[in-house]
Amino acid sequence: MANMKARWWQKFAPWWKGASRHLGTDGDLQAPAGPPWPVHARVLLCKSEQTLHARLVRAFPEHFIFAQVALSQLIGLNPGAPWSIRNRYSQLVADFVVCDFRYQPLAVIEVDGITHDHPKQAEADLRKAQVLGAARIVLLRLNGAALPSVEDLKRLLGEDIRTPLEGSRPARRWRRGTSRRGS
């Protein structure tokens, strides 16, 4: 019976031999304990997203451009709001986020591909647009087949993306122990 119940990870043994090693207590490299995970590294961005990221970096060199950011990292729940509201956007991801030098999100850029025609994706896109609008974060949707040039990106987001010298939108966060009226 024991032979029949081969461990699932044994079929990955050739992969395991080339797995990363960790420093042991004596400073020697050794394999991590336990069976390997049946996973592999993926490319973070598809070709059109890689192209757009390079153009965003060239268009806004004084800003930070982040890729694949969970909306739960960008948007906070107001005090007293039901937690179920957060659940409506916590699994959504922004393709790109443009932040100022204080890491305040200024804009979210979405690259729409062929999957965005699917009803489930269309519903997720609507929720994403609603929550970003409520948080007053600009949303720009781009067609993945026809990405704008660097100059077009500057023109499309010029009003919403300011250089640090022009000032950036102040953080609108409520902190415990302070008045909500800003005093």
C-alpha atoms as a PDB file:
ATOM      1  CA  MET A   1       0.000   0.000   0.000  1.00  0.00           C
ATOM      2  CA  ALA A   2       2.818   2.378   0.853  1.00  0.00           C
ATOM      3  CA  ASN A   3       4.398   1.860  -2.571  1.00  0.00           C
ATOM      4  CA  MET A   4       1.090   2.521  -4.293  1.00  0.00           C
ATOM      5  CA  LYS A   5       0.735   5.840  -2.500  1.00  0.00           C
ATOM      6  CA  ALA A   6       3.709   7.561  -4.062  1.00  0.00           C
ATOM      7  CA  ARG A   7       4.152  11.096  -2.900  1.00  0.00           C
ATOM      8  CA  TRP A   8       2.877  13.601  -5.431  1.00  0.00           C
ATOM      9  CA  TRP A   9       6.156  15.490  -5.384  1.00  0.00           C
ATOM     10  CA  GLN A  10       8.263  12.499  -6.404  1.00  0.00           C
ATOM     11  CA  LYS A  11       7.310  12.978 -10.027  1.00  0.00           C
ATOM     12  CA  PHE A  12       8.931  16.422  -9.772  1.00  0.00           C
ATOM     13  CA  ALA A  13      12.221  14.967  -8.485  1.00  0.00           C
ATOM     14  CA  PRO A  14      14.244  16.006 -11.575  1.00  0.00           C
ATOM     15  CA  TRP A  15      12.929  19.546 -11.144  1.00  0.00           C
ATOM     16  CA  TRP A  16      13.714  19.440  -7.430  1.00  0.00           C
ATOM     17  CA  LYS A  17      17.399  18.740  -8.048  1.00  0.00           C
ATOM     18  CA  GLY A  18      17.732  22.121  -9.754  1.00  0.00           C
ATOM     19  CA  ALA A  19      15.661  24.000  -7.172  1.00  0.00           C
ATOM     20  CA  SER A  20      16.983  26.925  -5.225  1.00  0.00           C
ATOM     21  CA  ARG A  21      19.040  26.272  -2.148  1.00  0.00           C
ATOM     22  CA  HIS A  22      18.968  28.071   1.181  1.00  0.00           C
ATOM     23  CA  LEU A  23      21.757  28.842   3.607  1.00  0.00           C
ATOM     24  CA  GLY A  24      21.764  26.462   6.553  1.00  0.00           C
ATOM     25  CA  THR A  25      22.850  27.312  10.082  1.00  0.00           C
ATOM     26  CA  ASP A  26      26.432  26.375   9.209  1.00  0.00           C
ATOM     27  CA  GLY A  27      26.464  28.669   6.167  1.00  0.00           C
ATOM     28  CA  ASP A  28      26.326  25.832   3.633  1.00  0.00           C
ATOM     29  CA  LEU A  29      23.727  25.783   0.912  1.00  0.00           C
ATOM     30  CA  GLN A  30      21.039  23.188   1.404  1.00  0.00           C
ATOM     31  CA  ALA A  31      17.693  22.324  -0.106  1.00  0.00           C
ATOM     32  CA  PRO A  32      14.588  23.715   1.619  1.00  0.00           C
ATOM     33  CA  ALA A  33      12.790  21.178   3.815  1.00  0.00           C
ATOM     34  CA  GLY A  34       9.668  19.462   2.586  1.00  0.00           C
ATOM     35  CA  PRO A  35       8.384  18.563  -0.832  1.00  0.00           C
ATOM     36  CA  PRO A  36       8.755  21.063  -3.670  1.00  0.00           C
ATOM     37  CA  TRP A  37       5.824  23.145  -4.771  1.00  0.00           C
ATOM     38  CA  PRO A  38       4.522  22.342  -8.264  1.00  0.00           C
ATOM     39  CA  VAL A  39       4.944  25.907  -9.523  1.00  0.00           C
ATOM     40  CA  HIS A  40       7.045  27.865 -12.018  1.00  0.00           C
ATOM     41  CA  ALA A  41       7.942  31.507 -12.601  1.00  0.00           C
ATOM     42  CA  ARG A  42       5.915  33.449 -15.151  1.00  0.00           C
ATOM     43  CA  VAL A  43       6.576  36.585 -17.137  1.00  0.00           C
ATOM     44  CA  LEU A  44       4.926  39.457 -15.270  1.00  0.00           C
ATOM     45  CA  LEU A  45       3.727  41.414 -18.314  1.00  0.00           C
ATOM     46  CA  CYS A  46       2.580  40.350 -21.775  1.00  0.00           C
ATOM     47  CA  LYS A  47       4.222  41.955 -24.836  1.00  0.00           C
ATOM     48  CA  SER A  48       1.703  44.803 -25.179  1.00  0.00           C
ATOM     49  CA  GLU A  49       1.954  45.563 -21.443  1.00  0.00           C
ATOM     50  CA  GLN A  50       5.762  45.561 -21.658  1.00  0.00           C
ATOM     51  CA  THR A  51       5.561  48.048 -24.520  1.00  0.00           C
ATOM     52  CA  LEU A  52       3.139  50.277 -22.639  1.00  0.00           C
ATOM     53  CA  HIS A  53       5.248  50.165 -19.456  1.00  0.00           C
ATOM     54  CA  ALA A  54       8.326  51.328 -21.387  1.00  0.00           C
ATOM     55  CA  ARG A  55       6.301  54.167 -22.931  1.00  0.00           C
ATOM     56  CA  LEU A  56       4.864  55.212 -19.551  1.00  0.00           C
ATOM     57  CA  VAL A  57       8.348  55.346 -18.039  1.00  0.00           C
ATOM     58  CA  ARG A  58       9.514  57.552 -20.931  1.00  0.00           C
ATOM     59  CA  ALA A  59       6.401  59.752 -20.792  1.00  0.00           C
ATOM     60  CA  PHE A  60       6.515  60.312 -17.014  1.00  0.00           C
ATOM     61  CA  PRO A  61      10.133  59.950 -15.863  1.00  0.00           C
ATOM     62  CA  GLU A  62       9.490  61.927 -12.658  1.00  0.00           C
ATOM     63  CA  HIS A  63       6.791  59.501 -11.521  1.00  0.00           C
ATOM     64  CA  PHE A  64       6.749  55.908 -10.322  1.00  0.00           C
ATOM     65  CA  ILE A  65       5.092  53.386 -12.642  1.00  0.00           C
ATOM     66  CA  PHE A  66       3.969  50.155 -10.975  1.00  0.00           C
ATOM     67  CA  ALA A  67       2.582  47.105 -12.747  1.00  0.00           C
ATOM     68  CA  GLN A  68      -0.027  44.579 -11.610  1.00  0.00           C
ATOM     69  CA  VAL A  69      -1.093  46.284  -8.373  1.00  0.00           C
ATOM     70  CA  ALA A  70      -3.993  44.947  -6.305  1.00  0.00           C
ATOM     71  CA  LEU A  71      -6.697  47.588  -5.830  1.00  0.00           C
ATOM     72  CA  SER A  72      -6.724  46.710  -2.129  1.00  0.00           C
ATOM     73  CA  GLN A  73      -3.231  48.298  -2.004  1.00  0.00           C
ATOM     74  CA  LEU A  74      -4.518  51.510  -3.612  1.00  0.00           C
ATOM     75  CA  ILE A  75      -7.876  51.983  -1.962  1.00  0.00           C
ATOM     76  CA  GLY A  76      -8.757  52.030   1.711  1.00  0.00           C
ATOM     77  CA  LEU A  77     -12.124  51.540   3.311  1.00  0.00           C
ATOM     78  CA  ASN A  78     -13.614  54.566   5.061  1.00  0.00           C
ATOM     79  CA  PRO A  79     -14.070  54.224   8.835  1.00  0.00           C
ATOM     80  CA  GLY A  80     -17.396  52.598   9.633  1.00  0.00           C
ATOM     81  CA  ALA A  81     -17.947  51.213   6.136  1.00  0.00           C
ATOM     82  CA  PRO A  82     -18.931  47.534   5.978  1.00  0.00           C
ATOM     83  CA  TRP A  83     -16.103  45.118   5.196  1.00  0.00           C
ATOM     84  CA  SER A  84     -18.225  43.593   2.434  1.00  0.00           C
ATOM     85  CA  ILE A  85     -17.490  46.689   0.326  1.00  0.00           C
ATOM     86  CA  ARG A  86     -13.767  45.835   0.359  1.00  0.00           C
ATOM     87  CA  ASN A  87     -14.566  42.304  -0.750  1.00  0.00           C
ATOM     88  CA  ARG A  88     -16.078  43.737  -3.949  1.00  0.00           C
ATOM     89  CA  TYR A  89     -12.713  45.132  -5.093  1.00  0.00           C
ATOM     90  CA  SER A  90     -10.058  43.235  -3.119  1.00  0.00           C
ATOM     91  CA  GLN A  91      -9.421  40.664  -5.876  1.00  0.00           C
ATOM     92  CA  LEU A  92      -9.182  43.242  -8.676  1.00  0.00           C
ATOM     93  CA  VAL A  93      -5.790  44.223 -10.104  1.00  0.00           C
ATOM     94  CA  ALA A  94      -4.728  47.393 -11.918  1.00  0.00           C
ATOM     95  CA  ASP A  95      -2.476  46.870 -14.946  1.00  0.00           C
ATOM     96  CA  PHE A  96      -0.462  50.046 -14.240  1.00  0.00           C
ATOM     97  CA  VAL A  97      -0.481  52.672 -11.510  1.00  0.00           C
ATOM     98  CA  VAL A  98       1.167  56.068 -11.878  1.00  0.00           C
ATOM     99  CA  CYS A  99       2.244  57.544  -8.533  1.00  0.00           C
ATOM    100  CA  ASP A 100       3.839  60.821  -7.522  1.00  0.00           C
ATOM    101  CA  PHE A 101       7.067  61.072  -5.532  1.00  0.00           C
ATOM    102  CA  ARG A 102       5.100  60.463  -2.303  1.00  0.00           C
ATOM    103  CA  TYR A 103       3.649  57.258  -3.757  1.00  0.00           C
ATOM    104  CA  GLN A 104       0.169  58.791  -3.993  1.00  0.00           C
ATOM    105  CA  PRO A 105      -1.715  57.061  -6.822  1.00  0.00           C
ATOM    106  CA  LEU A 106      -2.587  59.568  -9.534  1.00  0.00           C
ATOM    107  CA  ALA A 107      -3.886  57.321 -12.300  1.00  0.00           C
ATOM    108  CA  VAL A 108      -4.617  53.712 -13.162  1.00  0.00           C
ATOM    109  CA  ILE A 109      -4.052  52.540 -16.720  1.00  0.00           C
ATOM    110  CA  GLU A 110      -5.813  49.415 -17.967  1.00  0.00           C
ATOM    111  CA  VAL A 111      -4.882  47.563 -21.148  1.00  0.00           C
ATOM    112  CA  ASP A 112      -8.003  45.977 -22.597  1.00  0.00           C
ATOM    113  CA  GLY A 113      -7.463  42.838 -24.650  1.00  0.00           C
ATOM    114  CA  ILE A 114      -9.824  40.336 -26.180  1.00  0.00           C
ATOM    115  CA  THR A 115     -10.759  38.890 -22.777  1.00  0.00           C
ATOM    116  CA  HIS A 116     -12.459  42.162 -21.837  1.00  0.00           C
ATOM    117  CA  ASP A 117     -15.410  41.250 -24.063  1.00  0.00           C
ATOM    118  CA  HIS A 118     -16.298  38.332 -21.793  1.00  0.00           C
ATOM    119  CA  PRO A 119     -19.300  39.103 -19.505  1.00  0.00           C
ATOM    120  CA  LYS A 120     -17.420  38.244 -16.294  1.00  0.00           C
ATOM    121  CA  GLN A 121     -14.501  40.479 -17.268  1.00  0.00           C
ATOM    122  CA  ALA A 122     -16.885  43.273 -18.275  1.00  0.00           C
ATOM    123  CA  GLU A 123     -18.492  43.067 -14.810  1.00  0.00           C
ATOM    124  CA  ALA A 124     -15.053  43.207 -13.135  1.00  0.00           C
ATOM    125  CA  ASP A 125     -14.115  46.201 -15.327  1.00  0.00           C
ATOM    126  CA  LEU A 126     -17.293  47.988 -14.227  1.00  0.00           C
ATOM    127  CA  ARG A 127     -16.551  47.348 -10.529  1.00  0.00           C
ATOM    128  CA  LYS A 128     -12.988  48.555 -11.072  1.00  0.00           C
ATOM    129  CA  ALA A 129     -14.210  51.771 -12.711  1.00  0.00           C
ATOM    130  CA  GLN A 130     -16.747  52.376  -9.928  1.00  0.00           C
ATOM    131  CA  VAL A 131     -14.329  51.891  -7.030  1.00  0.00           C
ATOM    132  CA  LEU A 132     -11.573  53.964  -8.669  1.00  0.00           C
ATOM    133  CA  GLY A 133     -14.082  56.736  -9.375  1.00  0.00           C
ATOM    134  CA  ALA A 134     -15.266  56.678  -5.772  1.00  0.00           C
ATOM    135  CA  ALA A 135     -11.635  56.929  -4.607  1.00  0.00           C
ATOM    136  CA  ARG A 136     -11.039  59.783  -7.073  1.00  0.00           C
ATOM    137  CA  ILE A 137      -8.302  57.958  -8.950  1.00  0.00           C
ATOM    138  CA  VAL A 138      -8.229  58.562 -12.696  1.00  0.00           C
ATOM    139  CA  LEU A 139      -8.823  55.481 -14.844  1.00  0.00           C
ATOM    140  CA  LEU A 140      -7.567  55.336 -18.419  1.00  0.00           C
ATOM    141  CA  ARG A 141      -8.550  52.344 -20.559  1.00  0.00           C
ATOM    142  CA  LEU A 142      -6.420  51.572 -23.585  1.00  0.00           C
ATOM    143  CA  ASN A 143      -6.912  49.120 -26.427  1.00  0.00           C
ATOM    144  CA  GLY A 144      -4.084  46.568 -26.280  1.00  0.00           C
ATOM    145  CA  ALA A 145      -4.028  46.341 -30.083  1.00  0.00           C
ATOM    146  CA  ALA A 146      -3.465  50.095 -30.577  1.00  0.00           C
ATOM    147  CA  LEU A 147      -1.283  51.450 -27.772  1.00  0.00           C
ATOM    148  CA  PRO A 148      -0.668  55.208 -27.683  1.00  0.00           C
ATOM    149  CA  SER A 149       2.747  56.746 -28.280  1.00  0.00           C
ATOM    150  CA  VAL A 150       4.744  58.510 -25.574  1.00  0.00           C
ATOM    151  CA  GLU A 151       3.452  61.881 -26.780  1.00  0.00           C
ATOM    152  CA  ASP A 152      -0.141  60.617 -26.820  1.00  0.00           C
ATOM    153  CA  LEU A 153       0.217  59.357 -23.245  1.00  0.00           C
ATOM    154  CA  LYS A 154       1.459  62.788 -22.143  1.00  0.00           C
ATOM    155  CA  ARG A 155      -1.528  64.379 -23.858  1.00  0.00           C
ATOM    156  CA  LEU A 156      -4.065  61.862 -22.487  1.00  0.00           C
ATOM    157  CA  LEU A 157      -2.854  62.069 -18.881  1.00  0.00           C
ATOM    158  CA  GLY A 158      -1.272  65.536 -18.857  1.00  0.00           C
ATOM    159  CA  GLU A 159      -4.060  67.107 -16.778  1.00  0.00           C
ATOM    160  CA  ASP A 160      -4.102  64.335 -14.209  1.00  0.00           C
ATOM    161  CA  ILE A 161      -0.369  63.660 -13.948  1.00  0.00           C
ATOM    162  CA  ARG A 162       1.579  66.607 -12.609  1.00  0.00           C
ATOM    163  CA  THR A 163       5.298  66.927 -12.116  1.00  0.00           C
ATOM    164  CA  PRO A 164       6.462  66.977  -8.487  1.00  0.00           C
ATOM    165  CA  LEU A 165       7.420  70.657  -8.873  1.00  0.00           C
ATOM    166  CA  GLU A 166       3.829  71.537  -9.736  1.00  0.00           C
ATOM    167  CA  GLY A 167       2.648  69.841  -6.573  1.00  0.00           C
ATOM    168  CA  SER A 168       0.656  66.721  -6.167  1.00  0.00           C
ATOM    169  CA  ARG A 169      -2.703  65.969  -4.684  1.00  0.00           C
ATOM    170  CA  PRO A 170      -2.446  65.843  -0.884  1.00  0.00           C
ATOM    171  CA  ALA A 171      -3.241  62.595   0.835  1.00  0.00           C
ATOM    172  CA  ARG A 172      -6.880  62.457   1.932  1.00  0.00           C
ATOM    173  CA  ARG A 173      -6.607  60.054   4.783  1.00  0.00           C
ATOM    174  CA  TRP A 174      -8.390  60.078   8.059  1.00  0.00           C
ATOM    175  CA  ARG A 175      -6.121  59.292  10.971  1.00  0.00           C
ATOM    176  CA  ARG A 176      -7.240  58.000  14.303  1.00  0.00           C
ATOM    177  CA  GLY A 177      -7.201  60.700  16.976  1.00  0.00           C
ATOM    178  CA  THR A 178      -7.778  63.539  14.526  1.00  0.00           C
ATOM    179  CA  SER A 179     -10.927  65.227  13.439  1.00  0.00           C
ATOM    180  CA  ARG A 180     -12.425  64.145  10.138  1.00  0.00           C
ATOM    181  CA  ARG A 181     -13.014  67.790   9.260  1.00  0.00           C
ATOM    182  CA  GLY A 182      -9.282  68.304   8.730  1.00  0.00           C
ATOM    183  CA  SER A 183      -8.707  70.454  11.797  1.00  0.00           C
END
